[in-house]
Amino acid sequence: MLKQSRMILRLAWTLQLLACLIFIPAARAITMEELRALPHLTPVEFARYFADFEFKFHPEVQPHNQFLSHRSGDCDDYATVAADALARHGYTPRMIAIRMKGETHVVCYIPETHSYLDYNMRKEANPLVPCSPEITDIARNVAKGFGRDWVATYEFTYEEQESIKRLVNQIVPNLAISTEAKVLTTEQARTGSSKNGK
């Protein structure tokens, strides 16, 4: 009789637990306005919001709230949202695109932390990748993570209302492979249309 009572209690507890799990509402996505308004947002705290986002390539940058609500996107979605949100919290983020043979990857460099946020590192315990602020050092470090050489790199800004990337300075070719650096067209630099990611 005692055995049956324990089995019934276990069954009841298991059913209650399952009912709780089934009826827990899905986690509500944070909006861009909420990210901007978070008190004392740091780059590490920012990255934590994206740990469970999925990679999904888009040829253009998604509107920020679309990226946040769908919980999926790619490196330039992440970098542009990071730059926007962290700039509101006193940081001076720089968006850096690194062109490698066959793909382009974008990161958000944070001078105050001497590191960059990389969408491919969002799930790591420490999502910040230490690096000097030199654009060629950033390019070299990112390309090393892909097991490739970099062809060219550039810094850009992004205007969400206009969906336009603007070069901050000139495109910097990798002089060690300068003939390949000429492959990057101005249109590719503007749109990042040839990028891929993990």
Protein backbone atom coordinates (compact mmCIF):
# COMPACT_ATOMS: atom_id res chain seq x y z
CA MET A 1 0.00 0.00 0.00
CA LEU A 2 2.87 2.37 0.86
CA LYS A 3 4.49 1.57 -2.51
CA GLN A 4 1.28 2.45 -4.34
CA SER A 5 0.96 5.74 -2.44
CA ARG A 6 4.52 6.71 -3.37
CA MET A 7 3.93 5.80 -7.02
CA ILE A 8 0.73 7.88 -7.07
CA LEU A 9 2.55 10.85 -5.48
CA ARG A 10 5.38 10.58 -8.02
CA LEU A 11 2.90 10.37 -10.87
CA ALA A 12 0.99 13.39 -9.55
CA TRP A 13 4.22 15.38 -9.12
CA THR A 14 5.37 14.43 -12.65
CA LEU A 15 2.02 15.47 -14.15
CA GLN A 16 2.15 18.81 -12.32
CA LEU A 17 5.66 19.44 -13.59
CA LEU A 18 4.66 18.58 -17.16
CA ALA A 19 1.61 20.84 -16.92
CA CYS A 20 3.83 23.71 -15.76
CA LEU A 21 6.28 23.15 -18.60
CA ILE A 22 3.56 22.92 -21.22
CA PHE A 23 1.76 26.08 -20.10
CA ILE A 24 4.78 28.29 -19.45
CA PRO A 25 4.48 31.08 -22.01
CA ALA A 26 7.33 31.37 -24.51
CA ALA A 27 9.99 33.88 -23.49
CA ARG A 28 9.00 37.26 -24.84
CA ALA A 29 11.52 38.77 -27.21
CA ILE A 30 13.19 41.97 -26.09
CA THR A 31 12.64 45.00 -28.31
CA MET A 32 15.24 47.49 -29.48
CA GLU A 33 13.62 50.16 -27.34
CA GLU A 34 13.97 47.93 -24.26
CA LEU A 35 17.61 47.13 -25.06
CA ARG A 36 18.37 50.83 -25.38
CA ALA A 37 16.63 51.56 -22.08
CA LEU A 38 18.27 48.82 -19.98
CA PRO A 39 20.19 50.39 -17.10
CA HIS A 40 23.96 49.90 -17.14
CA LEU A 41 24.04 47.54 -20.16
CA THR A 42 27.55 46.16 -20.72
CA PRO A 43 28.83 44.33 -23.81
CA VAL A 44 28.88 41.01 -21.91
CA GLU A 45 25.30 41.52 -20.67
CA PHE A 46 24.29 42.47 -24.22
CA ALA A 47 25.68 39.21 -25.62
CA ARG A 48 23.75 37.15 -23.05
CA TYR A 49 20.47 38.22 -24.70
CA PHE A 50 21.58 36.46 -27.91
CA ALA A 51 22.95 33.16 -26.60
CA ASP A 52 19.96 31.19 -27.91
CA PHE A 53 19.54 33.04 -31.22
CA GLU A 54 19.91 30.95 -34.36
CA PHE A 55 22.09 31.72 -37.35
CA LYS A 56 20.08 32.54 -40.46
CA PHE A 57 21.74 34.36 -43.36
CA HIS A 58 20.04 37.45 -44.80
CA PRO A 59 21.49 39.30 -47.81
CA GLU A 60 20.64 42.64 -46.17
CA VAL A 61 20.62 43.81 -42.56
CA GLN A 62 17.27 42.99 -40.96
CA PRO A 63 15.33 45.73 -39.18
CA HIS A 64 16.50 45.58 -35.57
CA ASN A 65 13.14 44.59 -34.06
CA GLN A 66 12.66 41.90 -36.72
CA PHE A 67 16.00 40.33 -35.78
CA LEU A 68 15.06 40.50 -32.10
CA SER A 69 11.54 39.11 -32.49
CA HIS A 70 12.54 36.26 -34.84
CA ARG A 71 15.54 35.43 -32.63
CA SER A 72 17.56 34.58 -35.71
CA GLY A 73 19.87 36.38 -38.06
CA ASP A 74 23.50 36.80 -38.95
CA CYS A 75 26.64 38.69 -38.04
CA ASP A 76 25.71 42.10 -39.39
CA ASP A 77 22.27 41.98 -37.72
CA TYR A 78 24.04 41.34 -34.41
CA ALA A 79 26.78 43.93 -34.94
CA THR A 80 24.38 46.72 -35.95
CA VAL A 81 22.08 46.04 -32.97
CA ALA A 82 25.12 45.92 -30.64
CA ALA A 83 26.48 49.21 -31.99
CA ASP A 84 23.11 50.94 -31.63
CA ALA A 85 22.30 49.65 -28.12
CA LEU A 86 25.79 50.03 -26.64
CA ALA A 87 26.26 53.54 -28.05
CA ARG A 88 23.22 54.53 -25.95
CA HIS A 89 25.07 53.29 -22.87
CA GLY A 90 28.23 55.38 -23.33
CA TYR A 91 30.31 52.98 -25.42
CA THR A 92 31.91 53.95 -28.76
CA PRO A 93 31.35 50.82 -30.88
CA ARG A 94 32.93 50.36 -34.30
CA MET A 95 31.45 48.00 -36.89
CA ILE A 96 34.19 46.20 -38.80
CA ALA A 97 33.64 44.03 -41.88
CA ILE A 98 36.29 41.48 -42.77
CA ARG A 99 36.31 40.14 -46.31
CA MET A 100 37.77 36.67 -46.74
CA LYS A 101 37.78 34.56 -49.87
CA GLY A 102 34.13 33.57 -50.40
CA GLU A 103 32.61 35.42 -47.45
CA THR A 104 32.46 38.54 -45.33
CA HIS A 105 32.09 38.58 -41.55
CA VAL A 106 31.10 41.56 -39.39
CA VAL A 107 32.01 42.23 -35.76
CA CYS A 108 31.37 45.09 -33.34
CA TYR A 109 34.59 46.39 -31.79
CA ILE A 110 34.25 48.01 -28.33
CA PRO A 111 37.29 50.25 -27.64
CA GLU A 112 36.45 50.54 -23.93
CA THR A 113 36.88 46.77 -23.45
CA HIS A 114 39.69 46.31 -26.01
CA SER A 115 37.65 43.52 -27.58
CA TYR A 116 34.92 42.79 -30.08
CA LEU A 117 31.52 41.15 -30.05
CA ASP A 118 31.23 38.36 -32.60
CA TYR A 119 27.90 36.63 -33.37
CA ASN A 120 29.79 33.34 -33.61
CA MET A 121 30.91 33.77 -29.97
CA ARG A 122 27.52 34.75 -28.48
CA LYS A 123 27.12 31.41 -26.65
CA GLU A 124 30.57 31.44 -25.03
CA ALA A 125 31.07 32.04 -21.29
CA ASN A 126 33.11 35.12 -22.26
CA PRO A 127 31.62 36.41 -25.53
CA LEU A 128 34.18 39.23 -25.86
CA VAL A 129 37.18 38.52 -28.10
CA PRO A 130 40.25 40.49 -26.92
CA CYS A 131 42.00 42.42 -29.69
CA SER A 132 43.87 45.66 -30.36
CA PRO A 133 41.89 48.46 -32.03
CA GLU A 134 43.92 48.33 -35.25
CA ILE A 135 41.57 47.37 -38.07
CA THR A 136 44.14 45.02 -39.61
CA ASP A 137 44.62 43.27 -36.25
CA ILE A 138 40.86 42.81 -35.97
CA ALA A 139 40.75 41.44 -39.54
CA ARG A 140 43.64 39.07 -38.86
CA ASN A 141 42.05 37.83 -35.61
CA VAL A 142 38.62 37.24 -37.20
CA ALA A 143 40.10 35.50 -40.24
CA LYS A 144 42.18 33.26 -37.99
CA GLY A 145 38.94 32.13 -36.33
CA PHE A 146 37.71 31.04 -39.76
CA GLY A 147 41.04 29.39 -40.60
CA ARG A 148 41.55 31.76 -43.55
CA ASP A 149 43.44 34.79 -44.74
CA TRP A 150 41.61 38.10 -44.91
CA VAL A 151 41.43 39.89 -48.25
CA ALA A 152 40.21 43.33 -47.20
CA THR A 153 38.61 45.07 -44.24
CA TYR A 154 36.63 48.22 -43.65
CA GLU A 155 34.79 50.11 -40.94
CA PHE A 156 31.23 51.23 -41.55
CA THR A 157 28.23 52.87 -39.95
CA TYR A 158 24.64 51.79 -40.40
CA GLU A 159 21.48 53.87 -40.67
CA GLU A 160 18.54 51.61 -39.84
CA GLN A 161 15.87 54.02 -41.11
CA GLU A 162 17.53 54.11 -44.53
CA SER A 163 18.96 50.55 -44.45
CA ILE A 164 22.30 51.94 -45.61
CA LYS A 165 25.86 51.02 -44.67
CA ARG A 166 28.38 53.82 -45.06
CA LEU A 167 32.15 53.41 -45.16
CA VAL A 168 33.94 55.31 -42.40
CA ASN A 169 37.29 55.31 -44.21
CA GLN A 170 38.75 53.56 -47.22
CA ILE A 171 38.75 49.82 -47.71
CA VAL A 172 42.03 48.42 -46.37
CA PRO A 173 43.45 45.59 -48.49
CA ASN A 174 45.66 42.85 -47.13
CA LEU A 175 48.90 43.79 -48.86
CA ALA A 176 50.21 40.24 -48.47
CA ILE A 177 47.51 39.12 -50.91
CA SER A 178 46.82 42.45 -52.63
CA THR A 179 45.72 40.95 -55.95
CA GLU A 180 42.84 39.20 -54.18
CA ALA A 181 41.91 42.40 -52.34
CA LYS A 182 40.71 43.94 -55.59
CA VAL A 183 37.90 41.37 -55.71
CA LEU A 184 35.83 43.41 -53.20
CA THR A 185 33.62 45.79 -55.14
CA THR A 186 32.18 49.01 -53.75
CA GLU A 187 28.70 47.44 -53.90
CA GLN A 188 29.89 44.44 -51.83
CA ALA A 189 31.42 46.81 -49.30
CA ARG A 190 28.19 48.83 -49.12
CA THR A 191 25.82 45.88 -48.73
CA GLY A 192 27.97 43.08 -47.36
CA SER A 193 26.06 40.91 -49.85
CA SER A 194 28.68 38.20 -50.08
CA LYS A 195 28.84 37.48 -46.35
CA ASN A 196 28.24 34.12 -44.74
CA GLY A 197 28.62 32.96 -41.16
CA LYS A 198 28.24 30.17 -38.69
